[in-house]
Protein backbone atom coordinates (compact mmCIF):
# COMPACT_ATOMS: atom_id res chain seq x y z
CA MET A 1 42.91 76.70 111.76
CA LEU A 2 40.12 79.19 112.35
CA VAL A 3 40.83 80.89 109.02
CA ALA A 4 40.80 77.48 107.27
CA ALA A 5 37.42 76.74 108.81
CA LEU A 6 36.07 80.15 107.78
CA LEU A 7 37.26 79.63 104.21
CA VAL A 8 34.82 76.72 103.77
CA PRO A 9 31.62 78.79 103.87
CA TRP A 10 33.35 81.62 101.99
CA THR A 11 34.29 79.22 99.19
CA LEU A 12 30.76 77.82 99.07
CA TRP A 13 29.33 81.35 98.86
CA LEU A 14 31.75 82.19 96.00
CA THR A 15 30.80 78.96 94.22
CA PHE A 16 27.19 80.04 93.94
CA SER A 17 27.56 83.81 93.67
CA LEU A 18 30.41 84.39 91.20
CA PRO A 19 29.63 84.50 87.48
CA SER A 20 31.31 81.89 85.30
CA ARG A 21 32.51 84.66 82.95
CA HIS A 22 33.99 88.00 83.97
CA VAL A 23 35.81 90.62 81.89
CA SER A 24 38.52 92.60 83.61
CA ASP A 25 40.02 95.88 82.50
CA HIS A 26 43.45 95.05 83.90
CA TYR A 27 43.77 91.36 83.02
CA ASP A 28 47.08 92.00 81.23
CA VAL A 29 48.51 93.98 84.16
CA ALA A 30 47.55 91.21 86.58
CA TRP A 31 49.36 88.55 84.54
CA VAL A 32 52.42 90.68 83.76
CA GLY A 33 52.71 91.62 87.43
CA PHE A 34 52.39 88.01 88.48
CA ASP A 35 55.01 86.90 85.95
CA VAL A 36 57.41 89.62 87.11
CA ALA A 37 56.96 88.44 90.71
CA LEU A 38 57.47 84.84 89.55
CA ALA A 39 60.68 85.81 87.75
CA VAL A 40 61.94 87.50 90.92
CA ALA A 41 61.06 84.42 92.98
CA VAL A 42 62.79 82.06 90.53
CA GLY A 43 65.84 84.33 90.46
CA ALA A 44 65.97 84.53 94.25
CA THR A 45 65.67 80.75 94.49
CA GLY A 46 68.48 80.27 91.98
CA TRP A 47 70.66 82.84 93.76
CA ALA A 48 70.03 81.19 97.13
CA GLY A 49 70.86 77.79 95.65
CA VAL A 50 74.16 78.95 94.15
CA ARG A 51 75.12 80.80 97.33
CA ARG A 52 73.96 77.91 99.54
CA SER A 53 71.92 80.44 101.48
CA ARG A 54 69.80 79.44 104.44
CA TRP A 55 66.96 81.24 102.64
CA LEU A 56 66.83 78.61 99.89
CA PRO A 57 63.93 76.60 101.37
CA VAL A 58 61.89 79.78 101.90
CA PHE A 59 62.46 81.03 98.35
CA ALA A 60 61.82 77.54 96.95
CA ALA A 61 58.51 77.34 98.84
CA VAL A 62 57.40 80.71 97.45
CA THR A 63 58.51 79.82 93.92
CA GLY A 64 56.88 76.38 93.98
CA THR A 65 53.61 77.84 95.22
CA MET A 66 53.65 80.52 92.53
CA LEU A 67 54.41 77.95 89.82
CA VAL A 68 51.43 75.80 90.85
CA CYS A 69 49.19 78.89 90.93
CA ASP A 70 50.48 79.93 87.50
CA ALA A 71 49.76 76.49 86.06
CA TRP A 72 46.29 76.40 87.62
CA PHE A 73 45.21 79.81 86.39
CA ASP A 74 46.75 79.31 82.94
CA VAL A 75 44.73 76.13 82.47
CA VAL A 76 41.42 77.27 83.94
CA THR A 77 41.44 80.69 82.22
CA SER A 78 42.33 79.36 78.77
CA HIS A 79 39.65 79.64 76.10
CA GLY A 80 39.73 75.97 75.12
CA GLY A 81 41.01 74.33 71.99
CA HIS A 82 44.62 75.11 71.09
CA GLU A 83 44.98 77.56 74.01
CA ALA A 84 43.91 74.92 76.55
CA VAL A 85 46.30 72.36 75.08
CA GLU A 86 49.16 74.86 75.17
CA ALA A 87 48.41 75.75 78.82
CA ALA A 88 48.21 72.07 79.80
CA VAL A 89 51.49 71.23 78.05
CA GLU A 90 53.27 74.19 79.66
CA ALA A 91 51.95 73.11 83.04
CA ALA A 92 52.91 69.46 82.51
CA ILE A 93 56.45 69.98 81.19
CA GLY A 94 57.36 73.30 82.80
CA GLU A 95 55.55 74.66 85.80
CA VAL A 96 54.56 71.49 87.65
CA PRO A 97 57.98 69.76 87.37
CA LEU A 98 59.71 72.95 88.51
CA ALA A 99 57.25 73.20 91.40
CA ALA A 100 58.06 69.58 92.29
CA LEU A 101 61.78 70.42 92.27
CA CYS A 102 61.07 73.34 94.59
CA ALA A 103 59.10 71.01 96.89
CA TYR A 104 62.07 68.61 96.93
CA VAL A 105 64.38 71.48 97.90
CA VAL A 106 62.05 72.48 100.73
CA TYR A 107 61.69 68.89 101.90
CA ASP A 108 65.41 68.07 101.98
CA VAL A 109 67.68 71.01 101.22
CA GLU A 110 70.80 69.16 102.39
CA ARG A 111 70.26 66.27 99.97
CA PHE A 112 69.55 68.79 97.21
CA HIS A 113 72.88 70.51 97.90
CA SER A 114 74.78 67.21 97.89
CA THR A 115 73.13 66.22 94.60
CA VAL A 116 74.11 69.55 93.04
CA ASP A 117 77.66 69.15 94.37
CA ARG A 118 77.94 65.73 92.71
CA LEU A 119 76.70 67.11 89.39
CA ARG A 120 78.92 70.17 89.46
CA ARG A 121 82.21 69.94 87.63
CA PRO A 122 85.22 71.32 89.46
CA THR A 123 86.49 74.67 88.22
CA ALA A 124 89.89 75.06 86.59
CA GLY A 125 91.18 76.64 89.81
CA ALA A 126 89.94 73.70 91.87
CA ARG A 127 91.61 71.24 89.48
CA ARG A 128 94.92 73.15 89.72
CA ALA A 129 94.70 73.22 93.52
CA ALA A 130 94.02 69.48 93.60
CA ALA A 131 96.97 68.83 91.27
CA ARG A 132 99.28 70.95 93.47
CA ALA A 133 98.07 69.13 96.56
CA PHE A 134 98.59 65.77 94.87
CA GLU A 135 102.13 66.73 93.80
CA ALA A 136 102.90 67.83 97.36
CA GLY A 137 101.82 64.41 98.61
CA ALA A 138 98.65 65.64 100.28
CA ARG A 139 95.29 64.11 99.58
CA PRO A 140 93.02 66.60 97.74
CA GLU A 141 89.82 67.29 99.61
CA ARG A 142 86.39 67.39 98.07
CA PRO A 143 83.93 70.04 99.23
CA GLY A 144 81.84 68.65 102.05
CA ALA A 145 84.03 65.57 102.50
CA ARG A 146 84.93 64.48 106.02
CA ALA A 147 88.56 64.37 106.99
CA ARG A 148 89.80 60.81 107.51
CA ARG A 149 92.05 59.90 110.35
CA THR A 150 95.00 57.78 109.51
CA PRO A 151 96.23 55.40 112.20
CA PRO A 152 99.65 56.25 113.66
CA GLY A 153 102.57 54.27 112.45
């Protein structure tokens, strides 16, 4: 909380002291480096989602934050005209919706997993196993389903 309080005067100082235009020698390196880090974060989030890792909410939080930052800086550093429209469209249909998905994962990872499970089609091996179980008279189980007790008799 102390750092948040100290950021207020710092931000005000930057508001009045920074130039509105600044040329950087390594602008391309900064963006390429950021995009590489973003690709790693997206990949880690996808990997954690597929593996149902306990790290999924952490990776999703990092990825969502980076996507919002990417959208923000793309829009505010565009030169206007066609470039500004392109940045705004990318933000609106790409980065911001993906960031919202990441926020949903962080907020309720269990519901996210159950939604993915419902959307996932069973593999050929899972279908064969279910058919064998059905032929043997057993009830095939779905992943994550609770076992039902049958009353005696």
